[in-house]
Amino acid sequence: MSGGSKTSVTTTKPWDIQVPYLKGGFKQAQKIYDANKGLGPEYYDKPSLAGFTDLERQSQTGMANYLRGPRPAAMQAGAEDALLRGLKGQIDPNAYAPMVNALQQQVTSNLTGKILPGIRESLVRYQPGGSTRGDLVQNKAISGAVTSGMTAPLAQMYTDAYGKAKDRSTEWGRQYPGIMDAPLSGAAALGEVGAQQRAMQQEKINRDMAKYQYEATAPQQTLANYMSMISGNYGGTTSQTVPGQGIMGTLGSLASIVGPGGLGLFGSDIRIKENIVPDGTIYNGHNVYHFNYINDDVRRRGVMAQEVEQTRPDAVVEIDGIKHVNYEAL
């Protein structure tokens, strides 16, 4: 016989021992939900960011006041002036005026006291009345005295002064950044200490927030852990649609598998039967039942493959997922 398709519905349930624990867990979940009005834990309303410490504020104020004050501008102007003076070779002549006067007096004294009187005495002795040559000798002596006694020392003095001025300007250029940065470095060091203090404050805030989060979600987390420990088959409903083919047609297609000698292999899987009623009789040690195949209204008698399989697995064959019993083997 053949017919249309039929949907079988199978319902599964939790284990009986699970039921009271599941009910308690669901009840507690509802309490937690109601207590929080479905919104979850409240937001952490305390400060979550550590502010600047007193040392950091002092550091910031000190650097700002220093940079905006007169000292950096004065040092900048002094450094630029020293650098330019060194590059241009400028030397303050007033600084060497006493030395110039001393050399001039020394040369003059030497000329009037020694050199010129000696020249005149020599000229009078050898050439009374004077001569042009005497003037030349006198002029040459004066020039030599000025050169050796004044010009040469002044030239050396200014050369040395120029070199020292350049060295000082170069050295100032090297020292200037350090001098400018010294106040800033001190303020920065103060700020680093303050930053360490602020980091400690932030860590304390973070730990307070973590503690709050733990306490605020502790009921939910505890319940989640509880439910995971009792989880299992909560039950459900599954549906299966069996194609519309008469059971006799299926058995007929199995005849070729059994071979000649009669139809000894029958579909006895409990899953393809319905309206199962015990017959009250025993067939070779196995219970006999009245039933009809799904989508087949003809009432039949026979054993159940799942029961036979417990004691005579050699008499049960599975074909395409359906268990069959070989009655000739029983």
Protein backbone atom coordinates (compact mmCIF):
# COMPACT_ATOMS: atom_id res chain seq x y z
CA MET A 1 0.00 0.00 0.00
CA SER A 2 1.08 3.57 -0.52
CA GLY A 3 -0.09 6.94 0.75
CA GLY A 4 0.85 10.57 1.29
CA SER A 5 3.52 11.88 3.61
CA LYS A 6 3.01 12.04 7.34
CA THR A 7 4.75 14.15 9.96
CA SER A 8 5.84 12.51 13.18
CA VAL A 9 6.48 14.67 16.23
CA THR A 10 8.93 13.65 18.95
CA THR A 11 9.10 15.51 22.24
CA THR A 12 12.09 15.30 24.57
CA LYS A 13 12.23 16.49 28.17
CA PRO A 14 14.96 17.25 30.69
CA TRP A 15 16.05 14.52 33.02
CA ASP A 16 13.74 14.34 35.98
CA ILE A 17 16.60 15.02 38.36
CA GLN A 18 17.35 18.25 36.49
CA VAL A 19 13.90 19.75 36.70
CA PRO A 20 13.95 21.22 40.24
CA TYR A 21 17.41 22.73 39.71
CA LEU A 22 16.41 24.21 36.38
CA LYS A 23 13.28 25.71 37.88
CA GLY A 24 15.34 27.23 40.69
CA GLY A 25 17.84 28.68 38.23
CA PHE A 26 15.15 30.22 36.03
CA LYS A 27 13.41 31.63 39.10
CA GLN A 28 16.63 33.25 40.30
CA ALA A 29 17.27 34.67 36.82
CA GLN A 30 13.85 36.31 36.92
CA LYS A 31 14.61 37.83 40.34
CA ILE A 32 17.88 39.30 39.11
CA TYR A 33 16.18 40.67 36.00
CA ASP A 34 13.37 42.24 38.03
CA ALA A 35 15.80 43.72 40.57
CA ASN A 36 17.71 45.50 37.81
CA LYS A 37 14.53 46.40 35.94
CA GLY A 38 15.97 44.73 32.89
CA LEU A 39 18.70 47.35 32.56
CA GLY A 40 21.68 45.56 34.08
CA PRO A 41 24.07 46.99 36.70
CA GLU A 42 24.22 50.74 37.24
CA TYR A 43 27.03 52.72 35.65
CA TYR A 44 30.15 53.40 37.73
CA ASP A 45 29.53 57.02 38.74
CA LYS A 46 32.79 57.77 40.56
CA PRO A 47 35.85 59.46 38.97
CA SER A 48 37.48 57.15 36.47
CA LEU A 49 40.44 59.33 35.45
CA ALA A 50 43.15 60.52 37.83
CA GLY A 51 43.82 64.28 37.62
CA PHE A 52 47.15 66.09 37.70
CA THR A 53 48.99 65.92 41.01
CA ASP A 54 50.24 68.97 42.89
CA LEU A 55 53.80 68.28 41.70
CA GLU A 56 52.67 68.09 38.09
CA ARG A 57 50.80 71.38 38.40
CA GLN A 58 53.85 72.99 40.01
CA SER A 59 56.01 71.68 37.18
CA GLN A 60 53.66 73.01 34.52
CA THR A 61 53.35 76.40 36.22
CA GLY A 62 57.13 76.70 36.69
CA MET A 63 57.89 75.92 33.06
CA ALA A 64 55.19 78.27 31.81
CA ASN A 65 56.35 81.14 34.02
CA TYR A 66 59.99 80.63 33.09
CA LEU A 67 59.32 80.52 29.35
CA ARG A 68 57.09 83.59 29.51
CA GLY A 69 59.41 85.54 31.85
CA PRO A 70 62.31 87.91 31.02
CA ARG A 71 65.18 85.50 31.67
CA PRO A 72 64.95 83.40 28.47
CA ALA A 73 64.72 86.56 26.35
CA ALA A 74 67.72 88.13 28.11
CA MET A 75 69.81 84.98 27.75
CA GLN A 76 68.81 84.67 24.12
CA ALA A 77 69.86 88.24 23.40
CA GLY A 78 73.15 87.78 25.26
CA ALA A 79 73.93 84.57 23.39
CA GLU A 80 73.22 86.15 20.04
CA ASP A 81 75.35 89.22 20.88
CA ALA A 82 78.27 87.09 22.04
CA LEU A 83 78.06 84.90 18.97
CA LEU A 84 77.93 87.86 16.57
CA ARG A 85 80.78 89.64 18.31
CA GLY A 86 82.90 86.56 18.06
CA LEU A 87 82.07 86.02 14.40
CA LYS A 88 82.80 89.68 13.53
CA GLY A 89 85.94 89.83 15.64
CA GLN A 90 84.76 92.89 17.54
CA ILE A 91 86.86 93.86 20.50
CA ASP A 92 86.06 96.68 22.90
CA PRO A 93 88.95 99.14 22.51
CA ASN A 94 88.17 100.77 25.84
CA ALA A 95 89.13 97.53 27.56
CA TYR A 96 92.74 97.92 26.33
CA ALA A 97 93.12 101.72 26.66
CA PRO A 98 95.27 101.53 29.82
CA MET A 99 97.67 99.12 28.14
CA VAL A 100 97.92 101.30 25.03
CA ASN A 101 98.69 104.37 27.17
CA ALA A 102 101.34 102.48 29.11
CA LEU A 103 103.09 101.33 25.96
CA GLN A 104 102.91 104.82 24.48
CA GLN A 105 104.45 106.35 27.59
CA GLN A 106 107.15 103.70 27.63
CA VAL A 107 108.08 104.36 24.02
CA THR A 108 108.03 108.13 24.52
CA SER A 109 110.16 107.90 27.63
CA ASN A 110 112.62 105.64 25.91
CA LEU A 111 112.90 107.99 22.92
CA THR A 112 113.28 111.22 24.88
CA GLY A 113 115.42 109.80 27.62
CA LYS A 114 117.79 107.53 25.75
CA ILE A 115 117.45 107.08 22.02
CA LEU A 116 117.14 110.68 20.74
CA PRO A 117 119.74 112.23 23.12
CA GLY A 118 122.23 109.58 22.08
CA ILE A 119 121.60 110.27 18.40
CA ARG A 120 122.06 114.03 18.83
CA GLU A 121 125.28 113.56 20.76
CA SER A 122 126.66 111.37 18.04
CA LEU A 123 125.70 113.77 15.30
CA VAL A 124 127.18 116.82 17.09
CA ARG A 125 130.39 114.94 17.77
CA TYR A 126 130.95 113.82 14.24
CA GLN A 127 129.04 116.44 12.27
CA PRO A 128 128.73 119.75 14.09
CA GLY A 129 125.76 121.83 12.97
CA GLY A 130 123.58 118.79 11.96
CA SER A 131 122.78 117.37 8.53
CA THR A 132 120.03 115.73 6.49
CA ARG A 133 121.53 112.35 7.18
CA GLY A 134 121.16 113.03 10.88
CA ASP A 135 117.46 113.62 10.42
CA LEU A 136 117.11 110.32 8.60
CA VAL A 137 118.92 108.47 11.36
CA GLN A 138 116.74 110.12 13.96
CA ASN A 139 113.52 109.32 12.12
CA LYS A 140 114.57 105.71 11.63
CA ALA A 141 115.32 105.36 15.31
CA ILE A 142 111.94 106.81 16.22
CA SER A 143 110.17 104.45 13.82
CA GLY A 144 112.02 101.43 15.12
CA ALA A 145 111.28 102.35 18.71
CA VAL A 146 107.58 102.77 18.01
CA THR A 147 107.42 99.53 16.07
CA SER A 148 109.22 97.39 18.60
CA GLY A 149 107.93 99.09 21.69
CA MET A 150 104.33 99.79 20.76
CA THR A 151 103.08 98.57 17.39
CA ALA A 152 104.29 95.01 17.73
CA PRO A 153 103.01 94.51 21.28
CA LEU A 154 99.64 96.06 20.39
CA ALA A 155 99.32 93.86 17.31
CA GLN A 156 100.06 90.75 19.35
CA MET A 157 97.70 91.91 22.07
CA TYR A 158 94.79 92.46 19.68
CA THR A 159 95.50 89.16 17.92
CA ASP A 160 95.39 87.28 21.20
CA ALA A 161 92.26 89.18 22.26
CA TYR A 162 90.51 88.36 18.99
CA GLY A 163 91.29 84.67 19.33
CA LYS A 164 90.10 84.59 22.92
CA ALA A 165 86.92 86.44 21.96
CA LYS A 166 86.16 83.84 19.31
CA ASP A 167 86.87 81.02 21.77
CA ARG A 168 84.58 82.59 24.34
CA SER A 169 81.76 83.02 21.84
CA THR A 170 82.12 79.40 20.72
CA GLU A 171 82.17 78.17 24.30
CA TRP A 172 79.12 80.31 25.08
CA GLY A 173 77.36 78.78 22.10
CA ARG A 174 78.02 75.33 23.54
CA GLN A 175 76.94 76.24 27.04
CA TYR A 176 73.90 78.30 26.07
CA PRO A 177 71.46 75.39 25.46
CA GLY A 178 72.34 73.84 28.79
CA ILE A 179 71.90 77.12 30.61
CA MET A 180 68.56 77.71 28.93
CA ASP A 181 67.33 74.19 29.60
CA ALA A 182 68.49 73.94 33.21
CA PRO A 183 65.32 75.45 34.73
CA LEU A 184 63.16 73.39 32.38
CA SER A 185 64.98 70.17 33.27
CA GLY A 186 64.35 70.76 36.94
CA ALA A 187 60.68 71.40 36.35
CA ALA A 188 60.45 68.34 34.12
CA ALA A 189 62.00 66.16 36.83
CA LEU A 190 59.42 67.48 39.27
CA GLY A 191 56.70 66.65 36.75
CA GLU A 192 57.99 63.08 36.39
CA VAL A 193 57.60 62.50 40.10
CA GLY A 194 54.07 63.88 39.87
CA ALA A 195 53.34 61.62 36.89
CA GLN A 196 54.36 58.59 38.95
CA GLN A 197 52.00 59.69 41.71
CA ARG A 198 49.18 60.13 39.19
CA ALA A 199 49.86 56.66 37.76
CA MET A 200 49.43 55.21 41.22
CA GLN A 201 46.17 57.11 41.65
CA GLN A 202 44.94 55.83 38.29
CA GLU A 203 45.82 52.26 39.22
CA LYS A 204 43.80 52.60 42.42
CA ILE A 205 40.84 53.93 40.42
CA ASN A 206 41.16 51.03 37.97
CA ARG A 207 41.11 48.54 40.82
CA ASP A 208 38.10 50.23 42.38
CA MET A 209 36.31 50.03 39.04
CA ALA A 210 37.20 46.34 38.67
CA LYS A 211 35.92 45.66 42.18
CA TYR A 212 32.70 47.52 41.43
CA GLN A 213 32.25 45.60 38.18
CA TYR A 214 32.77 42.31 39.99
CA GLU A 215 30.30 43.13 42.73
CA ALA A 216 27.72 44.57 40.33
CA THR A 217 27.72 41.49 38.10
CA ALA A 218 28.36 38.88 40.79
CA PRO A 219 24.72 37.65 40.88
CA GLN A 220 24.60 37.20 37.11
CA GLN A 221 28.00 35.50 37.00
CA THR A 222 27.14 33.20 39.88
CA LEU A 223 23.88 32.23 38.21
CA ALA A 224 25.66 31.66 34.89
CA ASN A 225 28.14 29.36 36.57
CA TYR A 226 25.31 27.52 38.31
CA MET A 227 23.33 27.05 35.10
CA SER A 228 26.40 25.81 33.24
CA MET A 229 26.89 23.13 35.89
CA ILE A 230 23.35 21.79 35.55
CA SER A 231 23.09 22.22 31.78
CA GLY A 232 22.02 19.28 29.73
CA ASN A 233 19.13 18.21 27.56
CA TYR A 234 16.52 20.87 28.36
CA GLY A 235 14.11 19.18 26.02
CA GLY A 236 12.53 20.26 22.80
CA THR A 237 10.40 19.16 19.89
CA THR A 238 11.60 17.74 16.60
CA SER A 239 9.53 17.02 13.51
CA GLN A 240 10.24 14.49 10.80
CA THR A 241 8.33 14.06 7.57
CA VAL A 242 8.27 10.49 6.26
CA PRO A 243 7.93 10.18 2.48
CA GLY A 244 4.64 8.68 1.28
CA GLN A 245 5.52 5.08 0.45
CA GLY A 246 3.58 2.09 1.61
CA ILE A 247 5.45 -0.25 3.89
CA MET A 248 4.63 -3.17 1.68
CA GLY A 249 6.31 -1.42 -1.21
CA THR A 250 9.42 -1.02 0.92
CA LEU A 251 9.32 -4.67 1.94
CA GLY A 252 8.77 -5.64 -1.61
CA SER A 253 11.94 -3.83 -2.64
CA LEU A 254 13.82 -5.84 -0.03
CA ALA A 255 12.78 -9.18 -1.45
CA SER A 256 15.66 -9.07 -3.92
CA ILE A 257 18.06 -8.52 -1.04
CA VAL A 258 16.75 -11.60 0.82
CA GLY A 259 16.95 -13.73 -2.32
CA PRO A 260 14.98 -16.76 -3.25
CA GLY A 261 13.64 -18.82 -0.45
CA GLY A 262 10.88 -16.56 0.78
CA LEU A 263 10.52 -13.17 2.37
CA GLY A 264 12.25 -13.73 5.72
CA LEU A 265 13.46 -10.11 6.33
CA PHE A 266 10.89 -7.64 7.65
CA GLY A 267 11.12 -4.02 8.71
CA SER A 268 10.70 -4.31 12.46
CA ASP A 269 12.16 -0.95 13.55
CA ILE A 270 9.95 0.63 16.20
CA ARG A 271 10.47 4.01 14.51
CA ILE A 272 8.42 2.99 11.43
CA LYS A 273 5.51 1.59 13.45
CA GLU A 274 2.64 3.19 15.30
CA ASN A 275 -0.37 2.17 17.41
CA ILE A 276 1.80 -0.45 19.09
CA VAL A 277 -0.07 -2.77 21.52
CA PRO A 278 1.43 -5.82 23.28
CA ASP A 279 -0.02 -9.09 21.92
CA GLY A 280 0.58 -11.01 25.13
CA THR A 281 2.37 -13.85 23.38
CA ILE A 282 6.03 -14.82 23.03
CA TYR A 283 7.72 -15.79 19.77
CA ASN A 284 10.95 -17.72 20.36
CA GLY A 285 11.63 -15.73 23.51
CA HIS A 286 10.57 -12.32 22.14
CA ASN A 287 7.47 -10.22 22.86
CA VAL A 288 4.90 -9.99 20.09
CA TYR A 289 2.94 -6.79 19.35
CA HIS A 290 -0.02 -5.59 17.28
CA PHE A 291 0.83 -2.53 15.17
CA ASN A 292 0.55 -0.89 11.82
CA TYR A 293 3.27 0.76 9.79
CA ILE A 294 3.22 4.54 9.47
CA ASN A 295 1.01 5.55 6.49
CA ASP A 296 -0.37 1.98 6.34
CA ASP A 297 -3.66 1.24 8.12
CA VAL A 298 -3.30 -2.57 7.97
CA ARG A 299 -2.90 -4.07 11.45
CA ARG A 300 -0.04 -6.56 11.82
CA ARG A 301 1.72 -8.74 14.37
CA GLY A 302 5.42 -9.02 14.97
CA VAL A 303 8.43 -8.39 17.15
CA MET A 304 10.40 -5.19 17.67
CA ALA A 305 13.86 -5.06 16.17
CA GLN A 306 15.29 -3.06 19.09
CA GLU A 307 14.23 -5.80 21.55
CA VAL A 308 15.49 -8.65 19.39
CA GLU A 309 18.81 -6.88 18.98
CA GLN A 310 19.42 -7.10 22.74
CA THR A 311 19.62 -10.93 22.72
CA ARG A 312 19.93 -11.89 19.04
CA PRO A 313 21.92 -9.22 17.26
CA ASP A 314 22.70 -11.75 14.52
CA ALA A 315 19.01 -11.75 13.53
CA VAL A 316 18.88 -7.94 13.03
CA VAL A 317 20.05 -6.16 9.88
CA GLU A 318 20.11 -2.39 9.35
CA ILE A 319 19.37 -1.15 5.83
CA ASP A 320 19.31 2.56 5.01
CA GLY A 321 19.10 3.36 8.73
CA ILE A 322 16.07 1.06 9.35
CA LYS A 323 16.40 -2.10 11.48
CA HIS A 324 14.99 -5.35 10.01
CA VAL A 325 14.46 -8.72 11.65
CA ASN A 326 15.25 -11.98 9.85
CA TYR A 327 12.43 -14.21 11.16
CA GLU A 328 13.99 -17.27 9.59
CA ALA A 329 16.99 -16.79 11.90
CA LEU A 330 14.88 -16.69 15.06
